[in-house]
Amino acid sequence: MTTTPTRAPLASPLESFPDQTLADRAADGDMRAFEVLVRRYGPLMRVYASRVLGSNDEMDDVVQEAFITAWQQLPTLENGAAVKSWLMRIVSRKSIDRVRARRRHVDIDLTDAAAPEHESPHRLVEAESQTEELTRVLATLPEDQRRCWMLRELAECSYGEIAEQLELPVSTIRGLLARARKTLLHEMEEWR
């Protein structure tokens, strides 16, 4: 009895295309090119969204919303090679919007028990103030420093991934991150 070997499904030839080409084709309406971008960056976006949201419950919804927005706004993307960071910005905004919406829609009647100390009103205000201050300080950083810090600390990219995405040497990435961290430590001193 002979058995026919099973073949692995053939990968789309688009899988090997660079981000620039895929983004350009997707912006022209090529759904298959966009699907490759979804497969390529969806897992990273899911991890990022789950960290911002603090759970996996809403992660898939947020990532799906981010991809819908990306599909609609692809023609506005000026540099297709930067599609990864562009997608990460979209999912970041969607995740933060979801967290803000949660805070606005708390039903006061459902909160009988006192909140744990870390969720008490003064702690939440303090955390929000700290987040606002961090956002303000990040906005004052030079663009390259801010992008490096966000990719490393929020998206958890490796130095090599950051260097590739920003098209800079790894040594430059290390220097940018060191300067960004030094500025953040100095500016956020009162919050330590």
Protein backbone atom coordinates (compact mmCIF):
# COMPACT_ATOMS: atom_id res chain seq x y z
CA MET A 1 0.00 0.00 0.00
CA THR A 2 1.46 3.31 -1.01
CA THR A 3 0.57 6.54 0.63
CA THR A 4 0.60 9.87 -1.02
CA PRO A 5 2.61 12.38 0.98
CA THR A 6 0.57 15.30 2.18
CA ARG A 7 1.75 18.65 1.07
CA ALA A 8 1.82 21.74 3.16
CA PRO A 9 -0.38 24.45 1.73
CA LEU A 10 1.55 26.67 -0.59
CA ALA A 11 2.24 30.10 0.79
CA SER A 12 1.06 33.02 -1.24
CA PRO A 13 3.81 34.54 -3.37
CA LEU A 14 2.82 37.82 -1.71
CA GLU A 15 4.19 36.51 1.63
CA SER A 16 7.73 37.31 0.51
CA PHE A 17 6.93 40.84 -0.67
CA PRO A 18 8.27 43.76 1.38
CA ASP A 19 5.89 45.92 3.41
CA GLN A 20 6.20 48.77 0.91
CA THR A 21 4.89 46.66 -1.96
CA LEU A 22 2.12 45.09 0.10
CA ALA A 23 0.97 48.45 1.46
CA ASP A 24 0.99 50.01 -2.01
CA ARG A 25 -0.97 47.11 -3.49
CA ALA A 26 -3.43 47.12 -0.58
CA ALA A 27 -3.91 50.88 -0.96
CA ASP A 28 -4.86 50.18 -4.59
CA GLY A 29 -7.54 47.75 -3.35
CA ASP A 30 -5.63 44.44 -3.39
CA MET A 31 -7.35 42.53 -0.57
CA ARG A 32 -4.85 39.64 -0.77
CA ALA A 33 -1.93 42.02 -0.12
CA PHE A 34 -3.80 43.42 2.87
CA GLU A 35 -4.44 39.88 4.16
CA VAL A 36 -0.68 39.27 4.14
CA LEU A 37 -0.19 42.42 6.25
CA VAL A 38 -2.90 41.18 8.63
CA ARG A 39 -1.15 37.81 9.02
CA ARG A 40 2.24 39.48 9.32
CA TYR A 41 1.37 42.06 12.01
CA GLY A 42 -1.86 40.79 13.57
CA PRO A 43 -0.11 38.73 16.28
CA LEU A 44 2.06 41.68 17.37
CA MET A 45 -0.97 43.97 17.41
CA ARG A 46 -2.90 41.43 19.53
CA VAL A 47 -0.09 41.25 22.10
CA TYR A 48 0.17 45.03 22.23
CA ALA A 49 -3.61 45.48 22.59
CA SER A 50 -3.83 42.90 25.37
CA ARG A 51 -1.10 44.71 27.32
CA VAL A 52 -2.78 48.10 26.97
CA LEU A 53 -6.23 46.72 27.76
CA GLY A 54 -4.98 44.63 30.66
CA SER A 55 -6.78 41.51 29.43
CA ASN A 56 -7.53 39.46 26.36
CA ASP A 57 -11.31 39.99 26.54
CA GLU A 58 -11.47 42.92 24.12
CA MET A 59 -8.19 42.40 22.30
CA ASP A 60 -9.62 40.80 19.15
CA ASP A 61 -12.30 43.49 18.81
CA VAL A 62 -9.72 46.26 19.09
CA VAL A 63 -7.37 44.64 16.58
CA GLN A 64 -10.26 44.08 14.16
CA GLU A 65 -11.28 47.75 14.52
CA ALA A 66 -7.66 48.76 13.90
CA PHE A 67 -7.50 46.72 10.69
CA ILE A 68 -10.81 48.15 9.48
CA THR A 69 -9.47 51.66 10.07
CA ALA A 70 -6.19 50.74 8.39
CA TRP A 71 -8.01 49.39 5.31
CA GLN A 72 -10.05 52.59 5.06
CA GLN A 73 -7.03 54.87 5.56
CA LEU A 74 -4.40 52.97 3.55
CA PRO A 75 -4.52 55.46 0.66
CA THR A 76 -3.35 58.16 3.11
CA LEU A 77 -0.24 56.20 4.16
CA GLU A 78 2.67 58.11 2.66
CA ASN A 79 5.44 55.56 3.29
CA GLY A 80 4.36 51.96 2.82
CA ALA A 81 7.65 50.75 4.30
CA ALA A 82 6.48 52.17 7.66
CA VAL A 83 3.23 50.18 7.63
CA LYS A 84 4.20 48.25 10.80
CA SER A 85 4.61 51.37 12.94
CA TRP A 86 1.50 52.89 11.31
CA LEU A 87 -0.56 49.82 12.24
CA MET A 88 0.88 49.89 15.78
CA ARG A 89 -0.16 53.55 16.16
CA ILE A 90 -3.68 52.70 15.03
CA VAL A 91 -4.04 49.77 17.44
CA SER A 92 -2.52 51.90 20.19
CA ARG A 93 -5.13 54.62 19.68
CA LYS A 94 -7.96 52.09 19.47
CA SER A 95 -6.78 50.37 22.66
CA ILE A 96 -6.48 53.62 24.58
CA ASP A 97 -9.91 54.71 23.34
CA ARG A 98 -11.35 51.43 24.61
CA VAL A 99 -9.76 51.93 28.05
CA ARG A 100 -11.14 55.48 28.20
CA ALA A 101 -14.60 54.26 27.19
CA ARG A 102 -14.53 51.70 30.00
CA ARG A 103 -13.86 54.46 32.52
CA ARG A 104 -16.75 56.58 31.23
CA HIS A 105 -19.31 53.75 31.27
CA VAL A 106 -19.05 52.53 34.84
CA ASP A 107 -22.55 52.02 36.22
CA ILE A 108 -22.55 53.48 39.73
CA ASP A 109 -25.41 51.16 40.78
CA LEU A 110 -23.27 48.11 40.12
CA THR A 111 -20.52 49.21 42.48
CA ASP A 112 -21.72 48.21 45.94
CA ALA A 113 -18.42 47.17 47.47
CA ALA A 114 -15.60 49.57 48.14
CA ALA A 115 -12.92 49.50 45.50
CA PRO A 116 -9.58 47.93 46.37
CA GLU A 117 -6.97 50.50 47.42
CA HIS A 118 -5.17 50.36 44.06
CA GLU A 119 -8.50 51.21 42.35
CA SER A 120 -9.59 53.92 44.77
CA PRO A 121 -10.50 57.28 43.24
CA HIS A 122 -7.36 59.04 44.44
CA ARG A 123 -5.15 56.22 43.06
CA LEU A 124 -6.96 56.30 39.72
CA VAL A 125 -6.60 60.08 39.51
CA GLU A 126 -2.95 59.75 40.44
CA ALA A 127 -2.40 57.06 37.79
CA GLU A 128 -4.21 59.13 35.17
CA SER A 129 -2.16 62.19 36.11
CA GLN A 130 1.00 60.15 35.85
CA THR A 131 -0.07 58.84 32.44
CA GLU A 132 -0.85 62.37 31.27
CA GLU A 133 2.56 63.56 32.49
CA LEU A 134 4.27 60.65 30.71
CA THR A 135 2.35 61.50 27.55
CA ARG A 136 3.40 65.15 27.87
CA VAL A 137 7.07 64.22 28.41
CA LEU A 138 7.00 61.75 25.52
CA ALA A 139 5.63 64.49 23.29
CA THR A 140 8.66 66.66 24.09
CA LEU A 141 11.14 63.97 23.04
CA PRO A 142 12.62 64.15 19.56
CA GLU A 143 10.62 61.96 17.16
CA ASP A 144 13.30 59.25 16.80
CA GLN A 145 13.72 58.94 20.58
CA ARG A 146 9.96 58.76 21.14
CA ARG A 147 9.47 56.13 18.41
CA CYS A 148 12.37 54.04 19.73
CA TRP A 149 11.05 54.18 23.30
CA MET A 150 7.49 53.29 22.30
CA LEU A 151 8.58 50.42 20.07
CA ARG A 152 10.84 49.03 22.81
CA GLU A 153 8.73 49.62 25.91
CA LEU A 154 5.18 49.34 24.57
CA ALA A 155 5.44 47.13 21.51
CA GLU A 156 8.36 45.16 23.04
CA CYS A 157 10.33 45.13 19.79
CA SER A 158 13.94 44.00 19.89
CA TYR A 159 16.74 46.43 19.13
CA GLY A 160 17.15 44.74 15.76
CA GLU A 161 13.46 45.08 14.91
CA ILE A 162 13.52 48.75 15.87
CA ALA A 163 16.67 49.33 13.81
CA GLU A 164 15.08 47.63 10.83
CA GLN A 165 11.83 49.53 11.15
CA LEU A 166 13.48 52.93 11.58
CA GLU A 167 16.25 52.09 9.10
CA LEU A 168 18.96 53.03 11.60
CA PRO A 169 21.96 51.11 12.96
CA VAL A 170 21.42 49.19 16.22
CA SER A 171 24.09 51.36 17.89
CA THR A 172 22.04 54.46 17.05
CA ILE A 173 18.91 52.79 18.46
CA ARG A 174 20.75 52.06 21.73
CA GLY A 175 21.86 55.70 21.97
CA LEU A 176 18.38 57.05 21.20
CA LEU A 177 16.83 54.76 23.82
CA ALA A 178 19.44 55.75 26.42
CA ARG A 179 18.75 59.45 25.86
CA ALA A 180 14.98 58.92 25.92
CA ARG A 181 15.18 56.94 29.17
CA LYS A 182 17.45 59.55 30.76
CA THR A 183 15.02 62.35 29.86
CA LEU A 184 12.04 60.34 31.11
CA LEU A 185 13.76 59.52 34.40
CA HIS A 186 14.62 63.16 34.95
CA GLU A 187 11.22 64.55 33.93
CA MET A 188 9.22 61.88 35.79
CA GLU A 189 11.30 62.11 39.00
CA GLU A 190 8.40 63.36 41.11
CA TRP A 191 6.36 60.27 40.17
CA ARG A 192 8.95 57.75 41.38
